[in-house]
Amino acid sequence: MARKYDLAICGYYGFDNLGDELICRALVEMAVGLGLERSRICVLSCDPHLTGSSLGVDSVDRWNFFEVFKALRQSRSLLLGGGGLFQDSTSLRSCLYYWGVTLLGRLLGATPWAFGQSVGPLRSKTSRFLARHALKACRVRFVRDEASRDLLSSMGLDSQILPDPVFYFASCMPKNFRSGSVLALNVRPLSGGENTAGLLFQAVKAFCDARGYRTRAICLCEEDLLELRRLGERLDEAIVVKDLKDIASAFEDVRYAVGMRLHFCLLALLFRVPVVAVPYDPKVRSFALSWDIPLWEKGADLGNLISKAKVAQDDEINSARENLTEGFAFAIRKILGDECVGARS
């Protein structure tokens, strides 16, 4: 049977979370750069109209079984496209969903593969089983940190490490030369009643008040802004970044950055802004350690950590992007074959 799509991409897309939307865009652009036509790509999304129109690809409702069934039946492959899809930090639902999509893809002849994954935490036996069963079915597995590789290894699954897909956009990010007097802050809500965001906010305010810096919250989704409002604290400004084109203005005049979300820290790196990370999740800790980013935890001296924060070097960033694109090209050729890609590579 001739199939309409070469690639169906599944991830946490269409939920207005900038990090995940950037992952999706990077995967699409890398595939197109290797010769795939946009008409041969389909994305499973919570907001298929917005996803399809912004990326120029077909998109279906990830919650509509019949639309997903049809898309997978028409696709040669199923890409589990980053970031932390298999984890049970809040519930079992994420593992169940992506396991189910992977199983359905296999039954319908769409070869599954995984790219840009952070795996874990997997606290329950059920979530561990679901993750292993789904990822074992993947013909290639690329993760973005050592902790994920070690976890898969403990399950008897091999994998390779590549940088986060968002490094693809390194070439289009203007460099920030730290001439400003703004400290950029990112907070996000946590389950379990933890007050990490509140304590971080107090530490940032104390640092900025003592040194005369302005504070700017950079929110990667609406729930980040709601968390700020819940805290009831005042900032000089707060920005919700919804698209790639808005990122540069959000980081304008930023001298330092302190944040919780992984992609906030990654974007600070791309803008050459010294950043301090808050390791609320294993994936953030692993990312920070791999880039020598200082970690703020409760009770730590934020000023001392900021003084240790370094600007990412051009050769480091360029090398990460090159490794990413080469790894993606290897993976997609292994899945689809040289005859389907490479026309423009």
Protein backbone atom coordinates (compact mmCIF):
# COMPACT_ATOMS: atom_id res chain seq x y z
CA MET A 1 0.00 0.00 0.00
CA ALA A 2 1.38 3.40 -1.00
CA ARG A 3 1.45 5.67 2.03
CA LYS A 4 0.62 9.36 2.08
CA TYR A 5 3.21 10.27 4.72
CA ASP A 6 6.81 9.39 5.38
CA LEU A 7 6.73 10.79 8.88
CA ALA A 8 4.09 11.09 11.60
CA ILE A 9 5.45 13.04 14.58
CA CYS A 10 4.03 12.57 18.06
CA GLY A 11 4.90 14.60 21.14
CA TYR A 12 3.48 17.14 23.57
CA TYR A 13 2.43 19.50 20.78
CA GLY A 14 -0.39 22.00 20.56
CA PHE A 15 -0.46 22.78 24.29
CA ASP A 16 1.11 26.27 23.97
CA ASN A 17 4.34 25.19 25.66
CA LEU A 18 7.11 26.98 23.78
CA GLY A 19 9.78 24.35 24.49
CA ASP A 20 7.77 21.52 22.98
CA GLU A 21 6.62 23.66 20.06
CA LEU A 22 10.25 24.49 19.28
CA ILE A 23 11.13 20.79 19.39
CA CYS A 24 8.38 20.04 16.89
CA ARG A 25 9.41 22.87 14.59
CA ALA A 26 13.06 21.77 14.74
CA LEU A 27 12.17 18.18 13.82
CA VAL A 28 10.05 19.33 10.88
CA GLU A 29 12.71 21.75 9.62
CA MET A 30 15.48 19.17 9.90
CA ALA A 31 13.37 16.66 7.97
CA VAL A 32 12.57 19.22 5.27
CA GLY A 33 16.23 20.18 5.11
CA LEU A 34 17.05 16.56 4.32
CA GLY A 35 14.65 16.51 1.39
CA LEU A 36 11.28 15.46 2.80
CA GLU A 37 8.36 17.43 1.42
CA ARG A 38 6.12 19.09 3.99
CA SER A 39 3.15 17.32 2.42
CA ARG A 40 4.77 14.03 3.50
CA ILE A 41 4.79 15.02 7.20
CA CYS A 42 1.91 14.79 9.68
CA VAL A 43 1.95 15.99 13.30
CA LEU A 44 -0.31 14.71 16.09
CA SER A 45 -1.35 17.82 18.01
CA CYS A 46 -3.81 19.09 20.61
CA ASP A 47 -4.35 22.08 18.30
CA PRO A 48 -4.04 20.63 14.79
CA HIS A 49 -5.21 23.77 13.00
CA LEU A 50 -2.53 25.96 14.61
CA THR A 51 0.19 23.31 14.26
CA GLY A 52 -0.61 22.65 10.62
CA SER A 53 -0.83 26.30 9.62
CA SER A 54 2.33 27.38 11.46
CA LEU A 55 4.51 24.52 10.20
CA GLY A 56 2.98 24.04 6.75
CA VAL A 57 2.31 20.35 7.35
CA ASP A 58 -0.73 18.16 7.86
CA SER A 59 -1.85 17.79 11.46
CA VAL A 60 -4.49 15.71 13.23
CA ASP A 61 -6.16 15.84 16.64
CA ARG A 62 -4.07 13.70 18.99
CA TRP A 63 -7.18 12.94 21.08
CA ASN A 64 -9.28 11.71 18.14
CA PHE A 65 -8.63 7.98 17.81
CA PHE A 66 -9.96 7.76 14.27
CA GLU A 67 -7.82 10.64 13.02
CA VAL A 68 -4.72 9.20 14.68
CA PHE A 69 -5.56 5.75 13.31
CA LYS A 70 -5.88 7.12 9.80
CA ALA A 71 -2.66 9.15 10.02
CA LEU A 72 -0.61 6.22 11.30
CA ARG A 73 -2.09 3.85 8.74
CA GLN A 74 -1.00 6.30 6.05
CA SER A 75 2.52 6.89 7.41
CA ARG A 76 5.70 4.91 6.90
CA SER A 77 7.10 5.88 10.29
CA LEU A 78 6.14 7.22 13.72
CA LEU A 79 8.59 9.59 15.38
CA LEU A 80 8.34 9.98 19.15
CA GLY A 81 9.73 13.47 19.01
CA GLY A 82 11.20 14.63 22.30
CA GLY A 83 11.22 15.79 25.25
CA GLY A 84 10.01 14.03 28.40
CA LEU A 85 7.25 11.83 27.05
CA PHE A 86 7.85 8.78 29.23
CA GLN A 87 7.71 9.99 32.83
CA ASP A 88 5.32 9.65 35.74
CA SER A 89 6.11 12.79 37.72
CA THR A 90 2.45 13.74 37.87
CA SER A 91 0.55 10.64 36.76
CA LEU A 92 0.64 7.54 34.58
CA ARG A 93 -1.28 9.22 31.74
CA SER A 94 1.72 10.37 29.72
CA CYS A 95 3.26 6.88 29.64
CA LEU A 96 -0.08 5.33 28.77
CA TYR A 97 -0.74 7.72 25.91
CA TYR A 98 2.62 7.39 24.16
CA TRP A 99 2.71 3.65 24.75
CA GLY A 100 -0.71 3.38 23.14
CA VAL A 101 0.26 5.49 20.12
CA THR A 102 3.45 3.47 19.65
CA LEU A 103 1.54 0.19 19.84
CA LEU A 104 -1.03 1.44 17.36
CA GLY A 105 1.69 2.61 15.01
CA ARG A 106 3.35 -0.80 15.08
CA LEU A 107 0.06 -2.55 14.36
CA LEU A 108 -0.57 -0.24 11.41
CA GLY A 109 2.91 -0.58 9.92
CA ALA A 110 4.36 2.80 10.92
CA THR A 111 7.92 2.06 12.06
CA PRO A 112 8.45 3.73 15.46
CA TRP A 113 11.61 5.61 16.39
CA ALA A 114 12.57 7.99 19.18
CA PHE A 115 14.57 11.20 18.99
CA GLY A 116 15.36 13.95 21.52
CA GLN A 117 13.94 12.01 24.46
CA SER A 118 14.39 12.52 28.19
CA VAL A 119 13.19 9.36 29.90
CA GLY A 120 12.09 9.33 33.51
CA PRO A 121 11.46 9.56 36.29
CA LEU A 122 9.63 6.24 36.20
CA ARG A 123 8.64 5.53 39.78
CA SER A 124 6.06 2.79 39.27
CA LYS A 125 6.49 -0.67 37.79
CA THR A 126 3.63 0.02 35.39
CA SER A 127 5.16 3.19 33.95
CA ARG A 128 8.52 1.46 33.66
CA PHE A 129 6.89 -1.43 31.77
CA LEU A 130 5.03 0.90 29.42
CA ALA A 131 8.13 2.96 28.66
CA ARG A 132 10.29 -0.10 28.05
CA HIS A 133 7.69 -1.80 25.87
CA ALA A 134 7.24 1.30 23.70
CA LEU A 135 10.90 2.26 23.43
CA LYS A 136 12.01 -1.31 22.78
CA ALA A 137 9.84 -1.19 19.65
CA CYS A 138 11.72 1.88 18.37
CA ARG A 139 14.17 1.07 15.62
CA VAL A 140 16.49 3.86 16.74
CA ARG A 141 16.62 5.63 20.09
CA PHE A 142 18.27 9.00 20.64
CA VAL A 143 18.10 10.62 24.08
CA ARG A 144 19.34 14.04 25.15
CA ASP A 145 21.07 13.28 28.48
CA GLU A 146 23.15 10.66 30.25
CA ALA A 147 20.52 10.01 32.91
CA SER A 148 18.07 8.87 30.22
CA ARG A 149 20.69 6.68 28.57
CA ASP A 150 21.53 5.09 31.92
CA LEU A 151 17.85 4.47 32.67
CA LEU A 152 17.32 2.81 29.29
CA SER A 153 20.47 0.78 29.79
CA SER A 154 19.05 -0.51 33.10
CA MET A 155 16.06 -1.73 31.06
CA GLY A 156 18.33 -3.53 28.62
CA LEU A 157 17.86 -0.94 25.86
CA ASP A 158 20.70 0.77 24.04
CA SER A 159 20.53 4.44 23.03
CA GLN A 160 22.70 7.30 21.87
CA ILE A 161 22.97 10.84 23.19
CA LEU A 162 22.45 13.91 21.02
CA PRO A 163 21.74 17.54 21.96
CA ASP A 164 18.18 18.75 22.40
CA PRO A 165 16.50 19.41 19.01
CA VAL A 166 16.13 23.12 19.86
CA PHE A 167 19.88 23.52 19.28
CA TYR A 168 18.90 23.43 15.60
CA PHE A 169 17.93 27.11 15.93
CA ALA A 170 21.37 28.17 17.19
CA SER A 171 22.26 29.68 13.83
CA CYS A 172 19.32 32.10 13.86
CA MET A 173 19.71 33.39 17.42
CA PRO A 174 21.44 36.80 17.70
CA LYS A 175 24.19 36.86 20.30
CA ASN A 176 23.54 38.81 23.48
CA PHE A 177 26.64 40.69 24.58
CA ARG A 178 25.40 41.26 28.13
CA SER A 179 25.26 45.04 27.88
CA GLY A 180 21.94 45.28 29.69
CA SER A 181 20.86 45.47 33.31
CA VAL A 182 18.04 42.91 33.26
CA LEU A 183 17.93 39.59 35.09
CA ALA A 184 15.60 37.17 33.33
CA LEU A 185 13.67 34.78 35.55
CA ASN A 186 11.63 31.70 34.69
CA VAL A 187 9.44 29.85 37.17
CA ARG A 188 6.97 27.05 36.67
CA PRO A 189 4.43 25.34 38.93
CA LEU A 190 5.33 22.09 40.67
CA SER A 191 3.06 19.39 42.03
CA GLY A 192 3.12 18.28 45.63
CA GLY A 193 2.92 21.72 47.19
CA GLU A 194 6.62 22.54 46.77
CA ASN A 195 7.48 26.22 47.17
CA THR A 196 10.58 26.18 44.96
CA ALA A 197 9.27 29.01 42.77
CA GLY A 198 8.53 31.22 45.78
CA LEU A 199 11.94 30.72 47.36
CA LEU A 200 13.65 31.28 44.01
CA PHE A 201 11.70 34.48 43.48
CA GLN A 202 12.77 35.82 46.87
CA ALA A 203 16.43 35.03 46.12
CA VAL A 204 16.23 36.74 42.73
CA LYS A 205 14.54 39.85 44.15
CA ALA A 206 17.17 40.14 46.90
CA PHE A 207 19.97 39.84 44.33
CA CYS A 208 18.44 42.40 41.96
CA ASP A 209 17.52 44.91 44.67
CA ALA A 210 21.06 44.83 46.05
CA ARG A 211 22.66 45.39 42.63
CA GLY A 212 20.12 47.53 40.81
CA TYR A 213 19.04 45.02 38.17
CA ARG A 214 15.59 45.05 36.64
CA THR A 215 13.64 41.80 36.72
CA ARG A 216 11.93 40.27 33.72
CA ALA A 217 9.93 37.05 33.88
CA ILE A 218 10.16 35.05 30.65
CA CYS A 219 7.25 32.61 30.60
CA LEU A 220 7.28 29.74 28.12
CA CYS A 221 3.56 29.05 28.59
CA GLU A 222 0.56 30.55 30.34
CA GLU A 223 0.95 28.33 33.42
CA ASP A 224 4.31 30.02 34.13
CA LEU A 225 2.52 33.38 34.23
CA LEU A 226 -0.21 31.96 36.44
CA GLU A 227 2.43 30.71 38.86
CA LEU A 228 3.87 34.22 39.10
CA ARG A 229 0.41 35.59 39.83
CA ARG A 230 -0.14 32.90 42.44
CA LEU A 231 3.03 33.98 44.19
CA GLY A 232 1.64 37.51 44.36
CA GLU A 233 5.06 39.05 43.77
CA ARG A 234 5.81 42.07 41.61
CA LEU A 235 8.30 42.13 38.74
CA ASP A 236 9.37 44.96 36.49
CA GLU A 237 7.87 43.06 33.55
CA ALA A 238 6.60 39.64 32.50
CA ILE A 239 6.56 38.24 28.98
CA VAL A 240 4.84 35.13 27.66
CA VAL A 241 6.86 33.91 24.66
CA LYS A 242 4.69 32.02 22.21
CA ASP A 243 6.76 31.84 19.04
CA LEU A 244 10.31 31.65 17.74
CA LYS A 245 10.13 35.20 16.41
CA ASP A 246 9.39 36.60 19.88
CA ILE A 247 12.38 35.06 21.66
CA ALA A 248 14.97 37.66 20.64
CA SER A 249 12.98 40.57 22.09
CA ALA A 250 12.39 38.62 25.31
CA PHE A 251 16.15 38.25 25.85
CA GLU A 252 17.01 41.81 24.81
CA ASP A 253 19.19 43.59 27.42
CA VAL A 254 19.37 40.46 29.59
CA ARG A 255 22.63 40.23 31.52
CA TYR A 256 21.90 37.11 33.60
CA ALA A 257 19.24 34.40 33.58
CA VAL A 258 17.90 32.15 36.34
CA GLY A 259 15.26 29.58 35.55
CA MET A 260 13.50 26.31 36.06
CA ARG A 261 12.45 25.12 32.61
CA LEU A 262 15.02 23.29 30.51
CA HIS A 263 14.33 25.25 27.34
CA PHE A 264 14.59 28.58 29.14
CA CYS A 265 18.11 27.56 30.17
CA LEU A 266 18.85 26.32 26.65
CA LEU A 267 17.67 29.55 25.05
CA ALA A 268 19.83 31.55 27.47
CA LEU A 269 22.79 29.48 26.28
CA LEU A 270 21.97 30.23 22.64
CA PHE A 271 21.85 33.95 23.40
CA ARG A 272 25.19 33.67 25.24
CA VAL A 273 23.60 34.74 28.53
CA PRO A 274 25.15 33.36 31.75
CA VAL A 275 22.46 31.17 33.30
CA VAL A 276 21.76 29.45 36.61
CA ALA A 277 19.43 26.44 36.47
CA VAL A 278 16.96 25.18 39.07
CA PRO A 279 17.02 21.35 38.98
CA TYR A 280 13.38 20.63 39.73
CA ASP A 281 13.55 17.63 37.38
CA PRO A 282 16.31 15.11 36.46
CA LYS A 283 16.35 16.33 32.85
CA VAL A 284 17.19 19.88 33.97
CA ARG A 285 19.96 18.64 36.26
CA SER A 286 21.45 16.49 33.50
CA PHE A 287 21.31 19.36 31.00
CA ALA A 288 22.93 21.77 33.43
CA LEU A 289 25.72 19.36 34.32
CA SER A 290 26.48 18.69 30.66
CA TRP A 291 26.90 22.44 30.01
CA ASP A 292 28.60 23.34 33.29
CA ILE A 293 25.65 25.47 34.38
CA PRO A 294 25.52 26.26 38.12
CA LEU A 295 22.58 24.77 40.00
CA TRP A 296 20.47 26.73 42.48
CA GLU A 297 18.83 24.69 45.21
CA LYS A 298 17.10 25.82 48.37
CA GLY A 299 19.44 27.74 50.63
CA ALA A 300 22.15 28.29 48.01
CA ASP A 301 23.81 31.71 47.58
CA LEU A 302 22.40 32.93 44.28
CA GLY A 303 24.95 35.72 43.94
CA ASN A 304 27.82 33.27 44.25
CA LEU A 305 26.28 30.98 41.64
CA ILE A 306 25.70 33.85 39.21
CA SER A 307 29.34 34.85 39.55
CA LYS A 308 30.29 31.32 38.42
CA ALA A 309 27.92 31.26 35.44
CA LYS A 310 29.76 31.29 32.12
CA VAL A 311 28.87 32.35 28.62
CA ALA A 312 28.57 29.42 26.22
CA GLN A 313 31.30 29.51 23.59
CA ASP A 314 30.53 29.71 19.89
CA ASP A 315 32.42 26.51 19.10
CA GLU A 316 30.46 24.61 21.77
CA ILE A 317 27.11 25.79 20.41
CA ASN A 318 28.09 25.18 16.79
CA SER A 319 29.37 21.70 17.62
CA ALA A 320 26.11 20.84 19.39
CA ARG A 321 24.07 21.91 16.37
CA GLU A 322 26.31 19.99 13.98
CA ASN A 323 26.11 16.81 16.07
CA LEU A 324 22.34 17.19 16.29
CA THR A 325 21.77 17.56 12.56
CA GLU A 326 24.19 14.76 11.66
CA GLY A 327 22.51 12.43 14.16
CA PHE A 328 19.04 13.27 12.86
CA ALA A 329 20.18 12.62 9.28
CA PHE A 330 21.59 9.24 10.32
CA ALA A 331 18.38 8.31 12.14
CA ILE A 332 15.93 9.30 9.43
CA ARG A 333 17.97 7.57 6.72
CA LYS A 334 17.98 4.40 8.79
CA ILE A 335 14.20 4.58 9.05
CA LEU A 336 13.25 5.75 5.56
CA GLY A 337 16.26 4.88 3.43
CA ASP A 338 18.50 7.08 1.32
CA GLU A 339 16.01 7.15 -1.53
CA CYS A 340 13.51 9.17 0.53
CA VAL A 341 15.91 11.74 1.95
CA GLY A 342 19.02 13.47 0.88
CA ALA A 343 17.71 15.23 -2.17
CA ARG A 344 18.81 18.56 -0.69
CA SER A 345 21.37 17.38 1.85
